[in-house]
Amino acid sequence: MIVVLVAVGIFINGVYEMLTLFDNQDWQQLWSWKMIISLGTFPIMFIILLYRARVENRAN
């Protein structure tokens, strides 16, 4: 559960920074590695958890 909360926090921080960069029109930093990692953390975590739930459901 802690990992999910950390992933959500990183994702929300990335969304906030993305909106700030849109407001400042700083397009070069918008596609930096930091932004890609922070915006990709939660969706990747969600896909992993969904996959694990399906695999465990098939085992039962």
N, C-alpha and C. Protein backbone atom coordinates (compact mmCIF):
# COMPACT_ATOMS: atom_id res chain seq x y z
N MET A 1 0.82 -1.19 0.00
CA MET A 1 0.00 0.00 0.00
C MET A 1 0.86 1.26 0.00
N ILE A 2 1.97 1.20 0.70
CA ILE A 2 2.86 2.36 0.76
C ILE A 2 3.44 2.66 -0.62
N VAL A 3 3.76 1.62 -1.38
CA VAL A 3 4.31 1.82 -2.72
C VAL A 3 3.29 2.51 -3.62
N VAL A 4 2.04 2.14 -3.50
CA VAL A 4 0.98 2.76 -4.29
C VAL A 4 0.84 4.23 -3.92
N LEU A 5 0.87 4.54 -2.64
CA LEU A 5 0.76 5.93 -2.20
C LEU A 5 1.94 6.78 -2.67
N VAL A 6 3.13 6.20 -2.65
CA VAL A 6 4.30 6.92 -3.15
C VAL A 6 4.17 7.16 -4.65
N ALA A 7 3.70 6.15 -5.39
CA ALA A 7 3.51 6.30 -6.84
C ALA A 7 2.48 7.37 -7.15
N VAL A 8 1.40 7.42 -6.39
CA VAL A 8 0.38 8.44 -6.59
C VAL A 8 0.96 9.83 -6.29
N GLY A 9 1.75 9.93 -5.24
CA GLY A 9 2.37 11.21 -4.90
C GLY A 9 3.32 11.70 -5.98
N ILE A 10 4.13 10.80 -6.52
CA ILE A 10 5.05 11.18 -7.60
C ILE A 10 4.26 11.60 -8.84
N PHE A 11 3.19 10.88 -9.14
CA PHE A 11 2.36 11.20 -10.30
C PHE A 11 1.70 12.57 -10.14
N ILE A 12 1.16 12.85 -8.98
CA ILE A 12 0.50 14.15 -8.74
C ILE A 12 1.52 15.28 -8.83
N ASN A 13 2.71 15.06 -8.30
CA ASN A 13 3.76 16.07 -8.41
C ASN A 13 4.13 16.31 -9.87
N GLY A 14 4.20 15.26 -10.66
CA GLY A 14 4.50 15.40 -12.08
C GLY A 14 3.42 16.16 -12.82
N VAL A 15 2.16 15.90 -12.50
CA VAL A 15 1.06 16.63 -13.14
C VAL A 15 1.14 18.11 -12.79
N TYR A 16 1.41 18.41 -11.53
CA TYR A 16 1.54 19.81 -11.11
C TYR A 16 2.67 20.51 -11.86
N GLU A 17 3.83 19.84 -11.95
CA GLU A 17 4.96 20.44 -12.66
C GLU A 17 4.64 20.61 -14.15
N MET A 18 3.92 19.63 -14.74
CA MET A 18 3.56 19.73 -16.14
C MET A 18 2.66 20.95 -16.37
N LEU A 19 1.68 21.14 -15.50
CA LEU A 19 0.79 22.30 -15.64
C LEU A 19 1.55 23.61 -15.45
N THR A 20 2.52 23.62 -14.56
CA THR A 20 3.35 24.81 -14.36
C THR A 20 4.18 25.10 -15.60
N LEU A 21 4.74 24.05 -16.22
CA LEU A 21 5.54 24.25 -17.42
C LEU A 21 4.67 24.71 -18.59
N PHE A 22 3.43 24.21 -18.67
CA PHE A 22 2.51 24.70 -19.71
C PHE A 22 2.24 26.19 -19.51
N ASP A 23 2.05 26.59 -18.26
CA ASP A 23 1.76 27.99 -17.97
C ASP A 23 2.94 28.89 -18.33
N ASN A 24 4.15 28.41 -18.06
CA ASN A 24 5.36 29.18 -18.36
C ASN A 24 5.81 29.01 -19.80
N GLN A 25 5.18 28.12 -20.54
CA GLN A 25 5.53 27.77 -21.92
C GLN A 25 6.99 27.36 -22.03
N ASP A 26 7.43 26.54 -21.11
CA ASP A 26 8.79 26.01 -21.11
C ASP A 26 8.75 24.62 -21.76
N TRP A 27 8.77 24.58 -23.07
CA TRP A 27 8.54 23.33 -23.80
C TRP A 27 9.73 22.38 -23.73
N GLN A 28 10.94 22.89 -23.54
CA GLN A 28 12.11 22.02 -23.50
C GLN A 28 12.12 21.14 -22.27
N GLN A 29 11.73 21.65 -21.13
CA GLN A 29 11.72 20.86 -19.91
C GLN A 29 10.51 19.97 -19.80
N LEU A 30 9.51 20.22 -20.64
CA LEU A 30 8.29 19.42 -20.58
C LEU A 30 8.55 17.96 -20.92
N TRP A 31 9.47 17.70 -21.83
CA TRP A 31 9.77 16.32 -22.23
C TRP A 31 11.09 15.82 -21.65
N SER A 32 11.45 16.31 -20.49
CA SER A 32 12.66 15.84 -19.83
C SER A 32 12.41 14.47 -19.21
N TRP A 33 13.49 13.78 -18.86
CA TRP A 33 13.37 12.44 -18.25
C TRP A 33 12.61 12.49 -16.94
N LYS A 34 12.80 13.57 -16.20
CA LYS A 34 12.11 13.71 -14.91
C LYS A 34 10.60 13.72 -15.11
N MET A 35 10.12 14.43 -16.12
CA MET A 35 8.69 14.49 -16.38
C MET A 35 8.16 13.15 -16.88
N ILE A 36 8.90 12.49 -17.74
CA ILE A 36 8.46 11.20 -18.27
C ILE A 36 8.36 10.18 -17.16
N ILE A 37 9.34 10.14 -16.28
CA ILE A 37 9.33 9.18 -15.17
C ILE A 37 8.20 9.50 -14.19
N SER A 38 8.04 10.78 -13.86
CA SER A 38 7.02 11.12 -12.86
C SER A 38 5.61 10.91 -13.39
N LEU A 39 5.38 11.14 -14.68
CA LEU A 39 4.05 10.93 -15.23
C LEU A 39 3.79 9.47 -15.58
N GLY A 40 4.84 8.69 -15.73
CA GLY A 40 4.67 7.29 -16.07
C GLY A 40 4.61 6.36 -14.87
N THR A 41 4.94 6.86 -13.68
CA THR A 41 5.02 6.02 -12.50
C THR A 41 3.68 5.39 -12.13
N PHE A 42 2.65 6.19 -12.00
CA PHE A 42 1.35 5.67 -11.56
C PHE A 42 0.69 4.77 -12.60
N PRO A 43 0.66 5.14 -13.87
CA PRO A 43 0.06 4.21 -14.85
C PRO A 43 0.78 2.87 -14.93
N ILE A 44 2.10 2.87 -14.83
CA ILE A 44 2.84 1.61 -14.85
C ILE A 44 2.53 0.80 -13.60
N MET A 45 2.46 1.45 -12.45
CA MET A 45 2.12 0.76 -11.21
C MET A 45 0.72 0.17 -11.29
N PHE A 46 -0.22 0.90 -11.88
CA PHE A 46 -1.59 0.42 -12.03
C PHE A 46 -1.63 -0.81 -12.93
N ILE A 47 -0.88 -0.80 -14.02
CA ILE A 47 -0.85 -1.95 -14.94
C ILE A 47 -0.25 -3.16 -14.25
N ILE A 48 0.81 -2.98 -13.48
CA ILE A 48 1.43 -4.09 -12.75
C ILE A 48 0.47 -4.68 -11.74
N LEU A 49 -0.21 -3.84 -10.97
CA LEU A 49 -1.16 -4.33 -9.98
C LEU A 49 -2.34 -5.03 -10.63
N LEU A 50 -2.81 -4.52 -11.76
CA LEU A 50 -3.91 -5.16 -12.48
C LEU A 50 -3.50 -6.53 -12.99
N TYR A 51 -2.28 -6.63 -13.52
CA TYR A 51 -1.77 -7.90 -14.01
C TYR A 51 -1.64 -8.92 -12.87
N ARG A 52 -1.10 -8.48 -11.74
CA ARG A 52 -0.95 -9.39 -10.60
C ARG A 52 -2.30 -9.86 -10.07
N ALA A 53 -3.28 -8.98 -10.07
CA ALA A 53 -4.62 -9.37 -9.61
C ALA A 53 -5.24 -10.39 -10.55
N ARG A 54 -5.05 -10.25 -11.83
CA ARG A 54 -5.59 -11.21 -12.79
C ARG A 54 -4.91 -12.57 -12.66
N VAL A 55 -3.59 -12.55 -12.46
CA VAL A 55 -2.85 -13.81 -12.32
C VAL A 55 -3.26 -14.51 -11.05
N GLU A 56 -3.41 -13.80 -9.94
CA GLU A 56 -3.81 -14.41 -8.68
C GLU A 56 -5.27 -14.89 -8.75
N ASN A 57 -6.10 -14.21 -9.51
CA ASN A 57 -7.48 -14.61 -9.64
C ASN A 57 -7.59 -15.92 -10.44
N ARG A 58 -6.73 -16.11 -11.42
CA ARG A 58 -6.73 -17.34 -12.21
C ARG A 58 -6.25 -18.53 -11.39
N ALA A 59 -5.37 -18.27 -10.43
CA ALA A 59 -4.82 -19.36 -9.62
C ALA A 59 -5.90 -19.93 -8.68
N ASN A 60 -6.87 -19.13 -8.33
CA ASN A 60 -7.94 -19.59 -7.43
C ASN A 60 -8.98 -20.23 -8.24
